[in-house]
Amino acid sequence: MSGPAIDDVAFAELQASAGAEFVDELVDTFLAEAPRMLAELRAAAEGANAEAFRRAAHSLKSNASTFGAAPLAAMARELELGGLAAAGQGSPLAALAAEYARAAARLAELRGG
């Protein structure tokens, strides 16, 4: 995806409204949980578990949106709405993982900043 991985203005607004220290905790939690969500997506796709796939995509989308990770949220939304059929088109899970890595790197930079 093109564009910034994290909308810095949205992230700053989150820090201003929730407090930088609390946002740091949220970032830590997201960085710990998102890889599990990605693993759940892969497992659900491999096991043809449509409901688990939708739930994992929804959770990732919602969490990404919280931090202003619009590209990641958009990709997760496409998977959520497209379901298992979307997972079988090309390599969207690999692209999602790559976008997560980009967002995670930027969040790590912003954390505590």
C-alpha atoms as a PDB file:
ATOM      1  CA  MET A   1       0.000   0.000   0.000  1.00  0.00           C
ATOM      2  CA  SER A   2       1.150   3.498  -0.636  1.00  0.00           C
ATOM      3  CA  GLY A   3       1.034   6.414   1.725  1.00  0.00           C
ATOM      4  CA  PRO A   4       2.027   6.553   5.355  1.00  0.00           C
ATOM      5  CA  ALA A   5       1.492   3.442   7.450  1.00  0.00           C
ATOM      6  CA  ILE A   6       0.178   5.578  10.318  1.00  0.00           C
ATOM      7  CA  ASP A   7      -1.662   8.869  10.106  1.00  0.00           C
ATOM      8  CA  ASP A   8       0.496  10.955  12.432  1.00  0.00           C
ATOM      9  CA  VAL A   9      -2.302  13.478  13.024  1.00  0.00           C
ATOM     10  CA  ALA A  10      -4.745  10.742  14.059  1.00  0.00           C
ATOM     11  CA  PHE A  11      -2.100   9.215  16.321  1.00  0.00           C
ATOM     12  CA  ALA A  12      -1.367  12.588  17.944  1.00  0.00           C
ATOM     13  CA  GLU A  13      -5.093  13.163  18.478  1.00  0.00           C
ATOM     14  CA  LEU A  14      -5.360   9.760  20.145  1.00  0.00           C
ATOM     15  CA  GLN A  15      -2.466  10.674  22.436  1.00  0.00           C
ATOM     16  CA  ALA A  16      -4.049  14.033  23.249  1.00  0.00           C
ATOM     17  CA  SER A  17      -7.428  12.538  24.075  1.00  0.00           C
ATOM     18  CA  ALA A  18      -6.337   9.341  25.847  1.00  0.00           C
ATOM     19  CA  GLY A  19      -2.943  10.336  27.183  1.00  0.00           C
ATOM     20  CA  ALA A  20       0.444   9.385  25.755  1.00  0.00           C
ATOM     21  CA  GLU A  21       1.188   6.873  28.497  1.00  0.00           C
ATOM     22  CA  PHE A  22      -2.087   5.018  27.936  1.00  0.00           C
ATOM     23  CA  VAL A  23      -1.549   5.060  24.165  1.00  0.00           C
ATOM     24  CA  ASP A  24       1.906   3.539  24.711  1.00  0.00           C
ATOM     25  CA  GLU A  25       0.201   0.689  26.592  1.00  0.00           C
ATOM     26  CA  LEU A  26      -2.313   0.290  23.756  1.00  0.00           C
ATOM     27  CA  VAL A  27       0.511   0.163  21.215  1.00  0.00           C
ATOM     28  CA  ASP A  28       2.320  -2.485  23.261  1.00  0.00           C
ATOM     29  CA  THR A  29      -0.848  -4.580  23.435  1.00  0.00           C
ATOM     30  CA  PHE A  30      -1.492  -4.195  19.710  1.00  0.00           C
ATOM     31  CA  LEU A  31       2.074  -5.135  18.819  1.00  0.00           C
ATOM     32  CA  ALA A  32       1.717  -8.263  20.958  1.00  0.00           C
ATOM     33  CA  GLU A  33      -1.754  -9.255  19.764  1.00  0.00           C
ATOM     34  CA  ALA A  34      -1.733  -8.392  16.056  1.00  0.00           C
ATOM     35  CA  PRO A  35       0.666 -11.212  15.100  1.00  0.00           C
ATOM     36  CA  ARG A  36      -1.781 -13.617  16.777  1.00  0.00           C
ATOM     37  CA  MET A  37      -4.629 -12.101  14.767  1.00  0.00           C
ATOM     38  CA  LEU A  38      -2.627 -12.619  11.574  1.00  0.00           C
ATOM     39  CA  ALA A  39      -1.973 -16.226  12.589  1.00  0.00           C
ATOM     40  CA  GLU A  40      -5.696 -16.691  13.285  1.00  0.00           C
ATOM     41  CA  LEU A  41      -6.489 -15.366   9.814  1.00  0.00           C
ATOM     42  CA  ARG A  42      -4.068 -17.815   8.200  1.00  0.00           C
ATOM     43  CA  ALA A  43      -5.376 -20.730  10.262  1.00  0.00           C
ATOM     44  CA  ALA A  44      -8.998 -19.841   9.544  1.00  0.00           C
ATOM     45  CA  ALA A  45      -8.258 -19.577   5.814  1.00  0.00           C
ATOM     46  CA  GLU A  46      -6.456 -22.918   5.810  1.00  0.00           C
ATOM     47  CA  GLY A  47      -9.268 -24.536   7.799  1.00  0.00           C
ATOM     48  CA  ALA A  48     -12.028 -22.860   5.772  1.00  0.00           C
ATOM     49  CA  ASN A  49     -13.493 -21.406   8.985  1.00  0.00           C
ATOM     50  CA  ALA A  50     -15.387 -18.407   7.620  1.00  0.00           C
ATOM     51  CA  GLU A  51     -16.600 -17.083  10.981  1.00  0.00           C
ATOM     52  CA  ALA A  52     -13.154 -17.207  12.617  1.00  0.00           C
ATOM     53  CA  PHE A  53     -11.699 -15.539   9.524  1.00  0.00           C
ATOM     54  CA  ARG A  54     -14.256 -12.725   9.639  1.00  0.00           C
ATOM     55  CA  ARG A  55     -13.761 -12.180  13.391  1.00  0.00           C
ATOM     56  CA  ALA A  56      -9.969 -12.010  13.115  1.00  0.00           C
ATOM     57  CA  ALA A  57     -10.153  -9.612  10.156  1.00  0.00           C
ATOM     58  CA  HIS A  58     -12.672  -7.456  12.033  1.00  0.00           C
ATOM     59  CA  SER A  59     -10.491  -7.321  15.157  1.00  0.00           C
ATOM     60  CA  LEU A  60      -7.410  -6.380  13.166  1.00  0.00           C
ATOM     61  CA  LYS A  61      -9.362  -3.718  11.266  1.00  0.00           C
ATOM     62  CA  SER A  62     -10.736  -2.177  14.452  1.00  0.00           C
ATOM     63  CA  ASN A  63      -7.389  -2.149  16.222  1.00  0.00           C
ATOM     64  CA  ALA A  64      -5.580  -0.694  13.223  1.00  0.00           C
ATOM     65  CA  SER A  65      -8.182   2.057  12.928  1.00  0.00           C
ATOM     66  CA  THR A  66      -7.586   3.056  16.542  1.00  0.00           C
ATOM     67  CA  PHE A  67      -4.008   4.062  15.725  1.00  0.00           C
ATOM     68  CA  GLY A  68      -4.651   5.682  12.357  1.00  0.00           C
ATOM     69  CA  ALA A  69      -3.220   2.717  10.445  1.00  0.00           C
ATOM     70  CA  ALA A  70      -5.612   3.355   7.554  1.00  0.00           C
ATOM     71  CA  PRO A  71      -3.909   1.151   4.941  1.00  0.00           C
ATOM     72  CA  LEU A  72      -3.821  -1.826   7.322  1.00  0.00           C
ATOM     73  CA  ALA A  73      -7.423  -1.210   8.398  1.00  0.00           C
ATOM     74  CA  ALA A  74      -8.566  -0.992   4.765  1.00  0.00           C
ATOM     75  CA  MET A  75      -6.866  -4.261   3.865  1.00  0.00           C
ATOM     76  CA  ALA A  76      -8.370  -6.011   6.886  1.00  0.00           C
ATOM     77  CA  ARG A  77     -11.783  -4.574   6.022  1.00  0.00           C
ATOM     78  CA  GLU A  78     -11.571  -6.000   2.511  1.00  0.00           C
ATOM     79  CA  LEU A  79     -10.833  -9.414   3.990  1.00  0.00           C
ATOM     80  CA  GLU A  80     -13.599  -9.063   6.552  1.00  0.00           C
ATOM     81  CA  LEU A  81     -16.164  -8.200   3.895  1.00  0.00           C
ATOM     82  CA  GLY A  82     -14.833 -10.603   1.276  1.00  0.00           C
ATOM     83  CA  GLY A  83     -14.454 -13.514   3.650  1.00  0.00           C
ATOM     84  CA  LEU A  84     -12.667 -16.684   2.679  1.00  0.00           C
ATOM     85  CA  ALA A  85     -13.181 -15.909  -1.015  1.00  0.00           C
ATOM     86  CA  ALA A  86     -11.009 -12.802  -0.593  1.00  0.00           C
ATOM     87  CA  ALA A  87      -8.282 -14.850   1.091  1.00  0.00           C
ATOM     88  CA  GLY A  88      -8.009 -17.065  -1.963  1.00  0.00           C
ATOM     89  CA  GLN A  89      -7.427 -14.228  -4.431  1.00  0.00           C
ATOM     90  CA  GLY A  90      -3.701 -13.719  -4.894  1.00  0.00           C
ATOM     91  CA  SER A  91      -1.797 -13.399  -1.654  1.00  0.00           C
ATOM     92  CA  PRO A  92      -3.774 -10.899   0.450  1.00  0.00           C
ATOM     93  CA  LEU A  93      -2.663 -12.446   3.730  1.00  0.00           C
ATOM     94  CA  ALA A  94       0.994 -11.964   2.807  1.00  0.00           C
ATOM     95  CA  ALA A  95       0.260  -8.381   1.760  1.00  0.00           C
ATOM     96  CA  LEU A  96      -1.623  -7.827   5.023  1.00  0.00           C
ATOM     97  CA  ALA A  97       1.318  -9.164   7.023  1.00  0.00           C
ATOM     98  CA  ALA A  98       3.692  -6.865   5.138  1.00  0.00           C
ATOM     99  CA  GLU A  99       1.471  -3.866   5.822  1.00  0.00           C
ATOM    100  CA  TYR A 100       1.250  -4.843   9.481  1.00  0.00           C
ATOM    101  CA  ALA A 101       5.063  -4.912   9.634  1.00  0.00           C
ATOM    102  CA  ARG A 102       5.153  -1.414   8.154  1.00  0.00           C
ATOM    103  CA  ALA A 103       2.557  -0.135  10.634  1.00  0.00           C
ATOM    104  CA  ALA A 104       4.259  -1.869  13.574  1.00  0.00           C
ATOM    105  CA  ALA A 105       7.593  -0.263  12.710  1.00  0.00           C
ATOM    106  CA  ARG A 106       6.008   3.187  12.584  1.00  0.00           C
ATOM    107  CA  LEU A 107       4.083   2.624  15.824  1.00  0.00           C
ATOM    108  CA  ALA A 108       7.319   1.600  17.527  1.00  0.00           C
ATOM    109  CA  GLU A 109       8.848   4.888  16.340  1.00  0.00           C
ATOM    110  CA  LEU A 110       5.877   6.908  17.573  1.00  0.00           C
ATOM    111  CA  ARG A 111       5.591   5.097  20.878  1.00  0.00           C
ATOM    112  CA  GLY A 112       6.724   7.374  23.637  1.00  0.00           C
ATOM    113  CA  GLY A 113       7.470  10.073  21.060  1.00  0.00           C
END
